[in-house]
Amino acid sequence: MPAEIPALFGHFLVLSLLAVGGAITVAPDMHRVLVNDMGLLTDVQFNASIAIAQASPGPNVLFVAVMGYQAAGLMGAAATMIGIMLPSTTLALAAARWGHTRQHWPQVKAFKAGMAPIVIGLMFATSWILTAQTPGWGGHIILTLAAALVVWRTRVHLLLV
């Protein structure tokens, strides 16, 4: 087993618990580890991994498997996917069951309302990492902000935007 596999698995286990709003929200830290710290991917490979997975049908978390595969083959894909899915899935199931039985509590309502700005901030950080390396990235940010405003302030469905 290559030395990267346990490190990838452990890091993605931790990222799983931080991925509020989906795995894409922790892409900046994935970039830091896979590109900057471990040197397993280039910026181009990192961006291509996200683009390929987002263009493919199925869950958007597939980019984690693509990155893991490019970094360390099939074992890398398995390590990153199991790492990113196991803790968050287990925690989400337990929290959903707990929250559903207590949905009328003011604390539960406040928690749900408070999580929205955190998710938006994490998504913004991801878009910054993905567009900052693209020539003419300023236009991408403006387009992203415009789409976010349309979805937020109108009844236009996200998929249409």
C-alpha atoms as a PDB file:
ATOM      1  CA  MET A   1       0.000   0.000   0.000  1.00  0.00           C
ATOM      2  CA  PRO A   2       1.480   3.376  -0.980  1.00  0.00           C
ATOM      3  CA  ALA A   3       2.247   5.722   1.904  1.00  0.00           C
ATOM      4  CA  GLU A   4      -0.259   8.276   0.616  1.00  0.00           C
ATOM      5  CA  ILE A   5      -3.297   6.042   1.132  1.00  0.00           C
ATOM      6  CA  PRO A   6      -3.543   6.247   4.965  1.00  0.00           C
ATOM      7  CA  ALA A   7      -2.783   9.981   4.858  1.00  0.00           C
ATOM      8  CA  LEU A   8      -5.473  10.563   2.227  1.00  0.00           C
ATOM      9  CA  PHE A   9      -7.991   8.463   4.136  1.00  0.00           C
ATOM     10  CA  GLY A  10      -7.307  10.270   7.422  1.00  0.00           C
ATOM     11  CA  HIS A  11      -7.456  13.722   5.896  1.00  0.00           C
ATOM     12  CA  PHE A  12     -10.687  13.013   4.057  1.00  0.00           C
ATOM     13  CA  LEU A  13     -12.202  11.582   7.266  1.00  0.00           C
ATOM     14  CA  VAL A  14     -11.621  14.953   8.926  1.00  0.00           C
ATOM     15  CA  LEU A  15     -12.825  16.905   5.893  1.00  0.00           C
ATOM     16  CA  SER A  16     -16.016  14.882   5.913  1.00  0.00           C
ATOM     17  CA  LEU A  17     -17.042  16.409   9.213  1.00  0.00           C
ATOM     18  CA  LEU A  18     -16.308  19.918   7.932  1.00  0.00           C
ATOM     19  CA  ALA A  19     -18.154  19.469   4.630  1.00  0.00           C
ATOM     20  CA  VAL A  20     -21.351  21.211   5.659  1.00  0.00           C
ATOM     21  CA  GLY A  21     -23.230  21.716   2.409  1.00  0.00           C
ATOM     22  CA  GLY A  22     -21.419  18.963   0.525  1.00  0.00           C
ATOM     23  CA  ALA A  23     -17.894  17.891  -0.301  1.00  0.00           C
ATOM     24  CA  ILE A  24     -17.433  20.787  -2.721  1.00  0.00           C
ATOM     25  CA  THR A  25     -17.368  23.210   0.214  1.00  0.00           C
ATOM     26  CA  VAL A  26     -14.047  21.784   1.450  1.00  0.00           C
ATOM     27  CA  ALA A  27     -12.402  21.770  -1.982  1.00  0.00           C
ATOM     28  CA  PRO A  28     -10.022  24.591  -0.944  1.00  0.00           C
ATOM     29  CA  ASP A  29      -8.508  22.374   1.737  1.00  0.00           C
ATOM     30  CA  MET A  30      -8.407  19.417  -0.661  1.00  0.00           C
ATOM     31  CA  HIS A  31      -6.453  21.680  -3.010  1.00  0.00           C
ATOM     32  CA  ARG A  32      -4.084  22.652  -0.217  1.00  0.00           C
ATOM     33  CA  VAL A  33      -3.331  19.043   0.681  1.00  0.00           C
ATOM     34  CA  LEU A  34      -3.358  17.359  -2.735  1.00  0.00           C
ATOM     35  CA  VAL A  35      -1.624  20.116  -4.716  1.00  0.00           C
ATOM     36  CA  ASN A  36       0.399  22.232  -2.313  1.00  0.00           C
ATOM     37  CA  ASP A  37       1.359  19.901   0.573  1.00  0.00           C
ATOM     38  CA  MET A  38       1.542  16.401  -0.929  1.00  0.00           C
ATOM     39  CA  GLY A  39       2.145  17.376  -4.565  1.00  0.00           C
ATOM     40  CA  LEU A  40      -0.019  14.505  -5.819  1.00  0.00           C
ATOM     41  CA  LEU A  41      -1.969  16.676  -8.294  1.00  0.00           C
ATOM     42  CA  THR A  42      -1.304  19.788 -10.330  1.00  0.00           C
ATOM     43  CA  ASP A  43      -3.667  22.762 -10.411  1.00  0.00           C
ATOM     44  CA  VAL A  44      -4.860  21.631 -13.844  1.00  0.00           C
ATOM     45  CA  GLN A  45      -5.569  18.073 -12.622  1.00  0.00           C
ATOM     46  CA  PHE A  46      -7.384  19.405  -9.578  1.00  0.00           C
ATOM     47  CA  ASN A  47      -9.638  21.695 -11.608  1.00  0.00           C
ATOM     48  CA  ALA A  48     -10.205  19.007 -14.244  1.00  0.00           C
ATOM     49  CA  SER A  49     -11.229  16.509 -11.546  1.00  0.00           C
ATOM     50  CA  ILE A  50     -13.971  18.818 -10.354  1.00  0.00           C
ATOM     51  CA  ALA A  51     -15.072  19.721 -13.874  1.00  0.00           C
ATOM     52  CA  ILE A  52     -15.258  16.089 -15.031  1.00  0.00           C
ATOM     53  CA  ALA A  53     -17.233  14.966 -11.999  1.00  0.00           C
ATOM     54  CA  GLN A  54     -19.606  17.943 -12.103  1.00  0.00           C
ATOM     55  CA  ALA A  55     -20.316  17.329 -15.793  1.00  0.00           C
ATOM     56  CA  SER A  56     -21.017  13.647 -15.204  1.00  0.00           C
ATOM     57  CA  PRO A  57     -24.432  12.426 -14.125  1.00  0.00           C
ATOM     58  CA  GLY A  58     -24.707  11.370 -10.520  1.00  0.00           C
ATOM     59  CA  PRO A  59     -23.775  12.846  -7.169  1.00  0.00           C
ATOM     60  CA  ASN A  60     -21.378  15.789  -7.235  1.00  0.00           C
ATOM     61  CA  VAL A  61     -19.158  14.109  -4.628  1.00  0.00           C
ATOM     62  CA  LEU A  62     -17.696  12.032  -7.457  1.00  0.00           C
ATOM     63  CA  PHE A  63     -14.949  14.605  -7.875  1.00  0.00           C
ATOM     64  CA  VAL A  64     -13.410  13.201  -4.674  1.00  0.00           C
ATOM     65  CA  ALA A  65     -13.058   9.781  -6.300  1.00  0.00           C
ATOM     66  CA  VAL A  66     -11.588  11.322  -9.456  1.00  0.00           C
ATOM     67  CA  MET A  67      -9.005  13.215  -7.392  1.00  0.00           C
ATOM     68  CA  GLY A  68      -8.205  10.131  -5.331  1.00  0.00           C
ATOM     69  CA  TYR A  69      -7.768   8.067  -8.483  1.00  0.00           C
ATOM     70  CA  GLN A  70      -5.467  10.631 -10.078  1.00  0.00           C
ATOM     71  CA  ALA A  71      -3.461  10.914  -6.860  1.00  0.00           C
ATOM     72  CA  ALA A  72      -3.042   7.212  -5.976  1.00  0.00           C
ATOM     73  CA  GLY A  73      -5.002   4.952  -8.348  1.00  0.00           C
ATOM     74  CA  LEU A  74      -7.932   2.756  -7.328  1.00  0.00           C
ATOM     75  CA  MET A  75      -6.774   2.573  -3.711  1.00  0.00           C
ATOM     76  CA  GLY A  76      -6.638   6.369  -3.625  1.00  0.00           C
ATOM     77  CA  ALA A  77     -10.158   6.618  -5.028  1.00  0.00           C
ATOM     78  CA  ALA A  78     -11.448   4.169  -2.419  1.00  0.00           C
ATOM     79  CA  ALA A  79      -9.585   5.895   0.430  1.00  0.00           C
ATOM     80  CA  THR A  80     -10.854   9.361  -0.443  1.00  0.00           C
ATOM     81  CA  MET A  81     -14.454   8.276  -1.100  1.00  0.00           C
ATOM     82  CA  ILE A  82     -14.776   6.137   2.020  1.00  0.00           C
ATOM     83  CA  GLY A  83     -13.046   8.846   4.025  1.00  0.00           C
ATOM     84  CA  ILE A  84     -15.352  11.612   2.809  1.00  0.00           C
ATOM     85  CA  MET A  85     -18.560   9.540   3.010  1.00  0.00           C
ATOM     86  CA  LEU A  86     -18.325   7.472   6.197  1.00  0.00           C
ATOM     87  CA  PRO A  87     -18.330  10.083   8.984  1.00  0.00           C
ATOM     88  CA  SER A  88     -20.688  12.541   7.337  1.00  0.00           C
ATOM     89  CA  THR A  89     -23.189   9.856   6.368  1.00  0.00           C
ATOM     90  CA  THR A  90     -23.210   8.386   9.855  1.00  0.00           C
ATOM     91  CA  LEU A  91     -23.476  11.794  11.510  1.00  0.00           C
ATOM     92  CA  ALA A  92     -26.153  13.009   9.084  1.00  0.00           C
ATOM     93  CA  LEU A  93     -28.304   9.955   9.709  1.00  0.00           C
ATOM     94  CA  ALA A  94     -28.043  10.316  13.484  1.00  0.00           C
ATOM     95  CA  ALA A  95     -28.614  14.092  13.390  1.00  0.00           C
ATOM     96  CA  ALA A  96     -31.574  13.813  11.022  1.00  0.00           C
ATOM     97  CA  ARG A  97     -33.270  11.290  13.261  1.00  0.00           C
ATOM     98  CA  TRP A  98     -32.573  13.384  16.353  1.00  0.00           C
ATOM     99  CA  GLY A  99     -33.607  16.676  14.696  1.00  0.00           C
ATOM    100  CA  HIS A 100     -36.781  15.255  13.212  1.00  0.00           C
ATOM    101  CA  THR A 101     -38.066  14.203  16.610  1.00  0.00           C
ATOM    102  CA  ARG A 102     -37.208  17.669  18.011  1.00  0.00           C
ATOM    103  CA  GLN A 103     -38.040  19.900  15.032  1.00  0.00           C
ATOM    104  CA  HIS A 104     -40.273  22.149  17.108  1.00  0.00           C
ATOM    105  CA  TRP A 105     -37.482  23.107  19.554  1.00  0.00           C
ATOM    106  CA  PRO A 106     -36.266  26.733  19.194  1.00  0.00           C
ATOM    107  CA  GLN A 107     -32.635  25.565  19.443  1.00  0.00           C
ATOM    108  CA  VAL A 108     -33.057  23.239  16.469  1.00  0.00           C
ATOM    109  CA  LYS A 109     -34.681  26.022  14.431  1.00  0.00           C
ATOM    110  CA  ALA A 110     -31.856  28.426  15.348  1.00  0.00           C
ATOM    111  CA  PHE A 111     -29.198  25.891  14.403  1.00  0.00           C
ATOM    112  CA  LYS A 112     -30.732  25.364  10.968  1.00  0.00           C
ATOM    113  CA  ALA A 113     -30.961  29.117  10.379  1.00  0.00           C
ATOM    114  CA  GLY A 114     -27.364  29.647  11.516  1.00  0.00           C
ATOM    115  CA  MET A 115     -25.886  27.019   9.217  1.00  0.00           C
ATOM    116  CA  ALA A 116     -26.985  28.782   6.012  1.00  0.00           C
ATOM    117  CA  PRO A 117     -24.366  31.597   6.134  1.00  0.00           C
ATOM    118  CA  ILE A 118     -21.624  29.090   6.932  1.00  0.00           C
ATOM    119  CA  VAL A 119     -22.470  26.999   3.874  1.00  0.00           C
ATOM    120  CA  ILE A 120     -22.578  30.098   1.683  1.00  0.00           C
ATOM    121  CA  GLY A 121     -19.137  31.164   2.926  1.00  0.00           C
ATOM    122  CA  LEU A 122     -17.648  27.735   2.241  1.00  0.00           C
ATOM    123  CA  MET A 123     -19.151  27.673  -1.248  1.00  0.00           C
ATOM    124  CA  PHE A 124     -17.692  31.137  -1.926  1.00  0.00           C
ATOM    125  CA  ALA A 125     -14.226  29.933  -0.859  1.00  0.00           C
ATOM    126  CA  THR A 126     -14.538  27.001  -3.261  1.00  0.00           C
ATOM    127  CA  SER A 127     -15.541  29.220  -6.159  1.00  0.00           C
ATOM    128  CA  TRP A 128     -12.607  31.518  -5.379  1.00  0.00           C
ATOM    129  CA  ILE A 129     -10.103  28.629  -5.547  1.00  0.00           C
ATOM    130  CA  LEU A 130     -11.593  27.292  -8.775  1.00  0.00           C
ATOM    131  CA  THR A 131     -11.804  30.610 -10.606  1.00  0.00           C
ATOM    132  CA  ALA A 132      -8.675  32.359  -9.327  1.00  0.00           C
ATOM    133  CA  GLN A 133      -6.454  30.279 -11.616  1.00  0.00           C
ATOM    134  CA  THR A 134      -8.605  30.894 -14.685  1.00  0.00           C
ATOM    135  CA  PRO A 135      -7.676  33.746 -17.039  1.00  0.00           C
ATOM    136  CA  GLY A 136     -10.359  36.396 -16.889  1.00  0.00           C
ATOM    137  CA  TRP A 137     -11.631  35.045 -13.575  1.00  0.00           C
ATOM    138  CA  GLY A 138     -13.204  38.349 -12.576  1.00  0.00           C
ATOM    139  CA  GLY A 139     -16.055  37.724 -15.016  1.00  0.00           C
ATOM    140  CA  HIS A 140     -16.640  34.301 -13.489  1.00  0.00           C
ATOM    141  CA  ILE A 141     -17.061  35.791 -10.032  1.00  0.00           C
ATOM    142  CA  ILE A 142     -19.499  38.397 -11.309  1.00  0.00           C
ATOM    143  CA  LEU A 143     -21.491  35.685 -13.096  1.00  0.00           C
ATOM    144  CA  THR A 144     -21.497  33.522  -9.961  1.00  0.00           C
ATOM    145  CA  LEU A 145     -22.701  36.394  -7.779  1.00  0.00           C
ATOM    146  CA  ALA A 146     -25.396  37.296 -10.297  1.00  0.00           C
ATOM    147  CA  ALA A 147     -26.643  33.704 -10.398  1.00  0.00           C
ATOM    148  CA  ALA A 148     -26.637  33.543  -6.594  1.00  0.00           C
ATOM    149  CA  LEU A 149     -28.696  36.738  -6.388  1.00  0.00           C
ATOM    150  CA  VAL A 150     -31.216  35.467  -8.937  1.00  0.00           C
ATOM    151  CA  VAL A 151     -31.707  32.217  -7.022  1.00  0.00           C
ATOM    152  CA  TRP A 152     -31.878  33.977  -3.665  1.00  0.00           C
ATOM    153  CA  ARG A 153     -34.236  36.817  -4.562  1.00  0.00           C
ATOM    154  CA  THR A 154     -36.551  35.170  -7.116  1.00  0.00           C
ATOM    155  CA  ARG A 155     -38.439  31.940  -7.536  1.00  0.00           C
ATOM    156  CA  VAL A 156     -36.287  30.875 -10.502  1.00  0.00           C
ATOM    157  CA  HIS A 157     -35.084  27.323  -9.877  1.00  0.00           C
ATOM    158  CA  LEU A 158     -31.362  26.790  -9.371  1.00  0.00           C
ATOM    159  CA  LEU A 159     -31.144  24.290 -12.233  1.00  0.00           C
ATOM    160  CA  LEU A 160     -32.542  26.843 -14.672  1.00  0.00           C
ATOM    161  CA  VAL A 161     -29.927  29.400 -13.641  1.00  0.00           C
END
